[in-house]
Amino acid sequence: MDNVLEARHIDKYFKKPVLFHVLKDLNFEIKKGEFASIMGKSGCGKSTLLYILSTMDTDYEGELYLNNTLVTGKDNQYLSYLRNKHIGFVFQFHYLLSEFTVLENVMLPAKKLAEKSLEEIEQDAIEKLKMLDIDHLAPKRASRISGGEKQRVAIARALINDPSIIMGDEPTGNLDSYNANNVFNIFKRLSDEQGLSLLIVTHDEEFAKKTDRIIQMSDGRILQ
């Protein structure tokens, strides 16, 4: 199977206030269509790892491959393009622009990528909202919808550029069990039906147990 993401010998140091070895020789890959979760105690390096994998943090040792292409050492402009095109993000906080409509929020990353006309982008955005059963919310302001709905809009926004992988940092952290379950089912469907890869950092054991694979971290290492 094809790897969408591969980390080879990733080491990360924090230099301040004292030298601290955060991530220690991490190696793993995510296959196409795989739904993996990362678990571990607070402070074990999960979010630090996600920042590196998402190409936002470039200050590390080792090699990172996205779709079998080495991305380590590439310039910021290229990485920004790569992130926007190939990686969808879903965070604990949805980061929607409250004065914009739901539809406008979902369209934003595609407008930034600028590879399609506005009409096409709008059409795509409506498709994504339909897929998540929230197309009726399209004209509403983001400030006017519920927490569970906001997280679904954030997922639609993450999907707008048809990414290779979705990365999530505690995407169900702020949701009740009903909405958390909803988000899990959406992710599962994307993995099964669209062949999308997902890598989700979570504290939620129920959520992690249902994913294809749990990557367990402790003290900056991956436990086998």
C-alpha atoms as a PDB file:
ATOM      1  CA  MET A   1       0.000   0.000   0.000  1.00  0.00           C
ATOM      2  CA  ASP A   2       1.047   3.584  -0.597  1.00  0.00           C
ATOM      3  CA  ASN A   3       2.239   5.666   2.320  1.00  0.00           C
ATOM      4  CA  VAL A   4       0.628   9.074   2.528  1.00  0.00           C
ATOM      5  CA  LEU A   5       2.894  10.156   5.359  1.00  0.00           C
ATOM      6  CA  GLU A   6       6.203   8.821   6.606  1.00  0.00           C
ATOM      7  CA  ALA A   7       8.419  10.009   9.462  1.00  0.00           C
ATOM      8  CA  ARG A   8      12.003   8.766   9.601  1.00  0.00           C
ATOM      9  CA  HIS A   9      14.227   9.264  12.640  1.00  0.00           C
ATOM     10  CA  ILE A  10      12.486  12.423  13.803  1.00  0.00           C
ATOM     11  CA  ASP A  11      14.225  14.148  16.712  1.00  0.00           C
ATOM     12  CA  LYS A  12      13.105  17.425  18.219  1.00  0.00           C
ATOM     13  CA  TYR A  13      14.803  19.583  20.835  1.00  0.00           C
ATOM     14  CA  PHE A  14      13.450  22.579  22.690  1.00  0.00           C
ATOM     15  CA  LYS A  15      16.375  24.962  23.173  1.00  0.00           C
ATOM     16  CA  LYS A  16      14.845  27.218  25.832  1.00  0.00           C
ATOM     17  CA  PRO A  17      14.860  27.658  28.800  1.00  0.00           C
ATOM     18  CA  VAL A  18      17.165  24.619  28.853  1.00  0.00           C
ATOM     19  CA  LEU A  19      17.946  22.024  26.196  1.00  0.00           C
ATOM     20  CA  PHE A  20      15.191  19.412  26.249  1.00  0.00           C
ATOM     21  CA  HIS A  21      14.893  16.360  23.979  1.00  0.00           C
ATOM     22  CA  VAL A  22      11.144  16.263  23.194  1.00  0.00           C
ATOM     23  CA  LEU A  23      10.898  13.687  20.400  1.00  0.00           C
ATOM     24  CA  LYS A  24      13.333  10.795  20.241  1.00  0.00           C
ATOM     25  CA  ASP A  25      14.011   8.934  16.999  1.00  0.00           C
ATOM     26  CA  LEU A  26      10.400   8.559  15.862  1.00  0.00           C
ATOM     27  CA  ASN A  27       9.652   6.306  12.889  1.00  0.00           C
ATOM     28  CA  PHE A  28       6.230   5.452  11.498  1.00  0.00           C
ATOM     29  CA  GLU A  29       4.038   5.731   8.431  1.00  0.00           C
ATOM     30  CA  ILE A  30       0.390   6.296   7.640  1.00  0.00           C
ATOM     31  CA  LYS A  31      -1.016   4.342   4.705  1.00  0.00           C
ATOM     32  CA  LYS A  32      -3.594   5.569   2.231  1.00  0.00           C
ATOM     33  CA  GLY A  33      -7.068   5.191   3.737  1.00  0.00           C
ATOM     34  CA  GLU A  34      -5.733   4.420   7.218  1.00  0.00           C
ATOM     35  CA  PHE A  35      -7.442   5.952  10.243  1.00  0.00           C
ATOM     36  CA  ALA A  36      -4.846   6.173  13.024  1.00  0.00           C
ATOM     37  CA  SER A  37      -4.899   7.812  16.432  1.00  0.00           C
ATOM     38  CA  ILE A  38      -2.055   9.053  18.630  1.00  0.00           C
ATOM     39  CA  MET A  39      -2.423   8.626  22.385  1.00  0.00           C
ATOM     40  CA  GLY A  40      -0.234   9.348  25.374  1.00  0.00           C
ATOM     41  CA  LYS A  41      -0.090  11.386  28.573  1.00  0.00           C
ATOM     42  CA  SER A  42      -0.028  15.173  28.439  1.00  0.00           C
ATOM     43  CA  GLY A  43       3.467  16.402  27.712  1.00  0.00           C
ATOM     44  CA  CYS A  44       4.625  13.232  25.928  1.00  0.00           C
ATOM     45  CA  GLY A  45       5.070  15.152  22.655  1.00  0.00           C
ATOM     46  CA  LYS A  46       1.846  14.371  20.747  1.00  0.00           C
ATOM     47  CA  SER A  47       1.038  17.930  19.694  1.00  0.00           C
ATOM     48  CA  THR A  48       4.711  18.704  19.020  1.00  0.00           C
ATOM     49  CA  LEU A  49       4.793  15.699  16.698  1.00  0.00           C
ATOM     50  CA  LEU A  50       1.612  16.825  14.931  1.00  0.00           C
ATOM     51  CA  TYR A  51       3.108  20.276  14.308  1.00  0.00           C
ATOM     52  CA  ILE A  52       6.124  18.652  12.642  1.00  0.00           C
ATOM     53  CA  LEU A  53       4.029  16.198  10.604  1.00  0.00           C
ATOM     54  CA  SER A  54       1.822  19.047   9.419  1.00  0.00           C
ATOM     55  CA  THR A  55       4.955  20.937   8.223  1.00  0.00           C
ATOM     56  CA  MET A  56       4.213  23.894  10.526  1.00  0.00           C
ATOM     57  CA  ASP A  57       7.336  23.234  12.599  1.00  0.00           C
ATOM     58  CA  THR A  58      10.469  22.765  10.476  1.00  0.00           C
ATOM     59  CA  ASP A  59      13.021  22.866  13.296  1.00  0.00           C
ATOM     60  CA  TYR A  60      13.657  19.139  13.735  1.00  0.00           C
ATOM     61  CA  GLU A  61      16.134  16.432  12.757  1.00  0.00           C
ATOM     62  CA  GLY A  62      15.176  13.511  10.522  1.00  0.00           C
ATOM     63  CA  GLU A  63      13.076  13.225   7.387  1.00  0.00           C
ATOM     64  CA  LEU A  64       9.411  13.724   6.650  1.00  0.00           C
ATOM     65  CA  TYR A  65       7.739  12.422   3.476  1.00  0.00           C
ATOM     66  CA  LEU A  66       4.296  13.364   2.184  1.00  0.00           C
ATOM     67  CA  ASN A  67       2.990  11.222  -0.682  1.00  0.00           C
ATOM     68  CA  ASN A  68       6.502   9.720  -0.956  1.00  0.00           C
ATOM     69  CA  THR A  69       8.057  13.154  -1.535  1.00  0.00           C
ATOM     70  CA  LEU A  70      10.646  14.497   0.899  1.00  0.00           C
ATOM     71  CA  VAL A  71       9.321  17.737   2.427  1.00  0.00           C
ATOM     72  CA  THR A  72      12.103  18.286   4.985  1.00  0.00           C
ATOM     73  CA  GLY A  73      14.230  21.304   4.079  1.00  0.00           C
ATOM     74  CA  LYS A  74      11.734  22.844   1.637  1.00  0.00           C
ATOM     75  CA  ASP A  75      11.074  26.595   1.851  1.00  0.00           C
ATOM     76  CA  ASN A  76       8.105  28.128   3.656  1.00  0.00           C
ATOM     77  CA  GLN A  77       6.229  29.163   0.537  1.00  0.00           C
ATOM     78  CA  TYR A  78       6.298  25.615  -0.818  1.00  0.00           C
ATOM     79  CA  LEU A  79       5.300  24.168   2.573  1.00  0.00           C
ATOM     80  CA  SER A  80       2.409  26.599   2.892  1.00  0.00           C
ATOM     81  CA  TYR A  81       1.119  25.493  -0.529  1.00  0.00           C
ATOM     82  CA  LEU A  82       1.639  21.821   0.377  1.00  0.00           C
ATOM     83  CA  ARG A  83      -0.241  22.175   3.672  1.00  0.00           C
ATOM     84  CA  ASN A  84      -3.163  23.911   2.084  1.00  0.00           C
ATOM     85  CA  LYS A  85      -3.450  21.409  -0.771  1.00  0.00           C
ATOM     86  CA  HIS A  86      -2.646  18.087   0.883  1.00  0.00           C
ATOM     87  CA  ILE A  87      -3.373  18.413   4.607  1.00  0.00           C
ATOM     88  CA  GLY A  88      -6.743  19.141   6.188  1.00  0.00           C
ATOM     89  CA  PHE A  89      -6.792  20.288   9.820  1.00  0.00           C
ATOM     90  CA  VAL A  90      -9.390  19.804  12.517  1.00  0.00           C
ATOM     91  CA  PHE A  91      -8.534  21.231  15.938  1.00  0.00           C
ATOM     92  CA  GLN A  92     -10.186  21.149  19.347  1.00  0.00           C
ATOM     93  CA  PHE A  93     -11.364  24.702  18.687  1.00  0.00           C
ATOM     94  CA  HIS A  94     -13.032  25.080  15.320  1.00  0.00           C
ATOM     95  CA  TYR A  95     -11.434  28.472  14.457  1.00  0.00           C
ATOM     96  CA  LEU A  96     -14.365  29.530  12.292  1.00  0.00           C
ATOM     97  CA  LEU A  97     -14.667  33.215  11.421  1.00  0.00           C
ATOM     98  CA  SER A  98     -17.834  34.131  13.269  1.00  0.00           C
ATOM     99  CA  GLU A  99     -18.848  37.065  11.056  1.00  0.00           C
ATOM    100  CA  PHE A 100     -18.657  34.875   7.926  1.00  0.00           C
ATOM    101  CA  THR A 101     -21.359  32.463   6.813  1.00  0.00           C
ATOM    102  CA  VAL A 102     -20.846  28.720   7.067  1.00  0.00           C
ATOM    103  CA  LEU A 103     -20.429  28.531   3.293  1.00  0.00           C
ATOM    104  CA  GLU A 104     -17.802  31.313   3.256  1.00  0.00           C
ATOM    105  CA  ASN A 105     -15.852  29.586   6.035  1.00  0.00           C
ATOM    106  CA  VAL A 106     -15.731  26.309   4.119  1.00  0.00           C
ATOM    107  CA  MET A 107     -14.633  28.077   0.915  1.00  0.00           C
ATOM    108  CA  LEU A 108     -11.666  29.905   2.508  1.00  0.00           C
ATOM    109  CA  PRO A 109      -8.843  27.344   2.058  1.00  0.00           C
ATOM    110  CA  ALA A 110      -9.864  26.782  -1.574  1.00  0.00           C
ATOM    111  CA  LYS A 111      -9.875  30.528  -2.255  1.00  0.00           C
ATOM    112  CA  LYS A 112      -6.390  30.685  -0.776  1.00  0.00           C
ATOM    113  CA  LEU A 113      -5.233  27.804  -2.990  1.00  0.00           C
ATOM    114  CA  ALA A 114      -6.799  29.599  -5.984  1.00  0.00           C
ATOM    115  CA  GLU A 115      -6.789  26.596  -8.322  1.00  0.00           C
ATOM    116  CA  LYS A 116     -10.510  26.799  -9.148  1.00  0.00           C
ATOM    117  CA  SER A 117     -13.036  29.450 -10.067  1.00  0.00           C
ATOM    118  CA  LEU A 118     -15.257  30.914  -7.331  1.00  0.00           C
ATOM    119  CA  GLU A 119     -18.273  29.116  -8.812  1.00  0.00           C
ATOM    120  CA  GLU A 120     -16.460  25.770  -8.633  1.00  0.00           C
ATOM    121  CA  ILE A 121     -15.291  26.443  -5.087  1.00  0.00           C
ATOM    122  CA  GLU A 122     -18.820  27.322  -3.982  1.00  0.00           C
ATOM    123  CA  GLN A 123     -20.127  24.158  -5.642  1.00  0.00           C
ATOM    124  CA  ASP A 124     -17.433  22.067  -3.899  1.00  0.00           C
ATOM    125  CA  ALA A 125     -18.213  23.676  -0.557  1.00  0.00           C
ATOM    126  CA  ILE A 126     -21.915  22.872  -0.881  1.00  0.00           C
ATOM    127  CA  GLU A 127     -21.008  19.277  -1.801  1.00  0.00           C
ATOM    128  CA  LYS A 128     -18.872  18.936   1.352  1.00  0.00           C
ATOM    129  CA  LEU A 129     -21.637  20.402   3.510  1.00  0.00           C
ATOM    130  CA  LYS A 130     -24.133  17.972   1.948  1.00  0.00           C
ATOM    131  CA  MET A 131     -21.799  15.075   2.658  1.00  0.00           C
ATOM    132  CA  LEU A 132     -21.886  16.029   6.355  1.00  0.00           C
ATOM    133  CA  ASP A 133     -25.667  16.701   6.345  1.00  0.00           C
ATOM    134  CA  ILE A 134     -25.268  20.392   7.134  1.00  0.00           C
ATOM    135  CA  ASP A 135     -25.933  22.034   3.757  1.00  0.00           C
ATOM    136  CA  HIS A 136     -29.015  23.712   5.312  1.00  0.00           C
ATOM    137  CA  LEU A 137     -26.598  25.755   7.452  1.00  0.00           C
ATOM    138  CA  ALA A 138     -24.752  27.242   4.444  1.00  0.00           C
ATOM    139  CA  PRO A 139     -26.277  30.775   4.664  1.00  0.00           C
ATOM    140  CA  LYS A 140     -26.094  31.015   8.469  1.00  0.00           C
ATOM    141  CA  ARG A 141     -23.418  33.011  10.242  1.00  0.00           C
ATOM    142  CA  ALA A 142     -20.889  30.789  11.965  1.00  0.00           C
ATOM    143  CA  SER A 143     -21.655  32.500  15.292  1.00  0.00           C
ATOM    144  CA  ARG A 144     -25.282  31.333  15.056  1.00  0.00           C
ATOM    145  CA  ILE A 145     -24.795  27.549  15.011  1.00  0.00           C
ATOM    146  CA  SER A 146     -24.208  24.976  17.773  1.00  0.00           C
ATOM    147  CA  GLY A 147     -20.853  23.560  18.922  1.00  0.00           C
ATOM    148  CA  GLY A 148     -21.413  20.208  17.257  1.00  0.00           C
ATOM    149  CA  GLU A 149     -22.416  21.943  14.026  1.00  0.00           C
ATOM    150  CA  LYS A 150     -19.327  24.169  14.176  1.00  0.00           C
ATOM    151  CA  GLN A 151     -17.057  21.140  14.383  1.00  0.00           C
ATOM    152  CA  ARG A 152     -18.771  19.604  11.356  1.00  0.00           C
ATOM    153  CA  VAL A 153     -18.280  22.858   9.452  1.00  0.00           C
ATOM    154  CA  ALA A 154     -14.587  22.735  10.447  1.00  0.00           C
ATOM    155  CA  ILE A 155     -14.407  19.209   8.977  1.00  0.00           C
ATOM    156  CA  ALA A 156     -16.059  20.378   5.744  1.00  0.00           C
ATOM    157  CA  ARG A 157     -13.504  23.203   5.576  1.00  0.00           C
ATOM    158  CA  ALA A 158     -10.671  20.677   6.120  1.00  0.00           C
ATOM    159  CA  LEU A 159     -12.006  18.638   3.183  1.00  0.00           C
ATOM    160  CA  ILE A 160     -12.490  21.461   0.677  1.00  0.00           C
ATOM    161  CA  ASN A 161      -9.180  20.960  -1.178  1.00  0.00           C
ATOM    162  CA  ASP A 162      -9.551  17.146  -1.244  1.00  0.00           C
ATOM    163  CA  PRO A 163      -6.489  16.603   0.959  1.00  0.00           C
ATOM    164  CA  SER A 164      -4.382  13.430   1.130  1.00  0.00           C
ATOM    165  CA  ILE A 165      -4.653  13.353   4.912  1.00  0.00           C
ATOM    166  CA  ILE A 166      -6.688  14.909   7.698  1.00  0.00           C
ATOM    167  CA  MET A 167      -4.825  15.723  10.906  1.00  0.00           C
ATOM    168  CA  GLY A 168      -6.722  16.394  14.093  1.00  0.00           C
ATOM    169  CA  ASP A 169      -5.620  17.692  17.475  1.00  0.00           C
ATOM    170  CA  GLU A 170      -8.234  16.635  20.055  1.00  0.00           C
ATOM    171  CA  PRO A 171     -11.091  17.276  17.562  1.00  0.00           C
ATOM    172  CA  THR A 172     -13.669  15.872  19.998  1.00  0.00           C
ATOM    173  CA  GLY A 173     -12.109  17.502  23.086  1.00  0.00           C
ATOM    174  CA  ASN A 174     -14.837  20.121  23.439  1.00  0.00           C
ATOM    175  CA  LEU A 175     -17.794  17.968  22.427  1.00  0.00           C
ATOM    176  CA  ASP A 176     -20.317  15.925  24.403  1.00  0.00           C
ATOM    177  CA  SER A 177     -20.415  12.185  23.749  1.00  0.00           C
ATOM    178  CA  TYR A 178     -23.213  12.468  21.176  1.00  0.00           C
ATOM    179  CA  ASN A 179     -21.320  14.987  19.045  1.00  0.00           C
ATOM    180  CA  ALA A 180     -17.974  13.227  19.635  1.00  0.00           C
ATOM    181  CA  ASN A 181     -19.531  10.049  18.275  1.00  0.00           C
ATOM    182  CA  ASN A 182     -20.852  11.993  15.315  1.00  0.00           C
ATOM    183  CA  VAL A 183     -17.372  13.281  14.490  1.00  0.00           C
ATOM    184  CA  PHE A 184     -15.911   9.777  14.802  1.00  0.00           C
ATOM    185  CA  ASN A 185     -18.533   8.383  12.400  1.00  0.00           C
ATOM    186  CA  ILE A 186     -17.805  11.132   9.872  1.00  0.00           C
ATOM    187  CA  PHE A 187     -14.065  10.349  10.021  1.00  0.00           C
ATOM    188  CA  LYS A 188     -14.734   6.616   9.707  1.00  0.00           C
ATOM    189  CA  ARG A 189     -16.891   7.181   6.655  1.00  0.00           C
ATOM    190  CA  LEU A 190     -14.239   9.378   5.014  1.00  0.00           C
ATOM    191  CA  SER A 191     -11.665   6.660   5.597  1.00  0.00           C
ATOM    192  CA  ASP A 192     -13.877   3.798   4.369  1.00  0.00           C
ATOM    193  CA  GLU A 193     -15.672   5.468   1.464  1.00  0.00           C
ATOM    194  CA  GLN A 194     -13.248   8.143   0.237  1.00  0.00           C
ATOM    195  CA  GLY A 195      -9.976   6.352   1.057  1.00  0.00           C
ATOM    196  CA  LEU A 196      -8.892   9.360   3.094  1.00  0.00           C
ATOM    197  CA  SER A 197      -6.067   8.964   5.629  1.00  0.00           C
ATOM    198  CA  LEU A 198      -6.605  10.366   9.123  1.00  0.00           C
ATOM    199  CA  LEU A 199      -4.188  10.960  11.975  1.00  0.00           C
ATOM    200  CA  ILE A 200      -5.898  12.115  15.143  1.00  0.00           C
ATOM    201  CA  VAL A 201      -4.306  13.082  18.463  1.00  0.00           C
ATOM    202  CA  THR A 202      -6.813  12.253  21.200  1.00  0.00           C
ATOM    203  CA  HIS A 203      -7.227  11.659  24.934  1.00  0.00           C
ATOM    204  CA  ASP A 204     -10.503   9.876  24.278  1.00  0.00           C
ATOM    205  CA  GLU A 205      -9.924   6.136  24.677  1.00  0.00           C
ATOM    206  CA  GLU A 206     -13.346   5.215  23.298  1.00  0.00           C
ATOM    207  CA  PHE A 207     -12.537   7.183  20.154  1.00  0.00           C
ATOM    208  CA  ALA A 208      -9.022   5.732  19.794  1.00  0.00           C
ATOM    209  CA  LYS A 209     -10.151   2.116  20.320  1.00  0.00           C
ATOM    210  CA  LYS A 210     -12.401   2.343  17.257  1.00  0.00           C
ATOM    211  CA  THR A 211      -9.627   3.614  14.939  1.00  0.00           C
ATOM    212  CA  ASP A 212      -7.565   1.228  12.749  1.00  0.00           C
ATOM    213  CA  ARG A 213      -4.428   1.693  14.818  1.00  0.00           C
ATOM    214  CA  ILE A 214      -3.321   3.434  17.996  1.00  0.00           C
ATOM    215  CA  ILE A 215       0.159   4.970  18.006  1.00  0.00           C
ATOM    216  CA  GLN A 216       1.017   5.044  21.711  1.00  0.00           C
ATOM    217  CA  MET A 217       3.523   7.679  22.827  1.00  0.00           C
ATOM    218  CA  SER A 218       5.451   8.034  26.058  1.00  0.00           C
ATOM    219  CA  ASP A 219       8.266  10.454  26.905  1.00  0.00           C
ATOM    220  CA  GLY A 220       8.856  11.453  23.297  1.00  0.00           C
ATOM    221  CA  ARG A 221       9.002   7.907  21.964  1.00  0.00           C
ATOM    222  CA  ILE A 222       6.568   5.613  20.200  1.00  0.00           C
ATOM    223  CA  LEU A 223       5.879   2.447  22.193  1.00  0.00           C
ATOM    224  CA  GLN A 224       5.729  -0.654  20.050  1.00  0.00           C
END
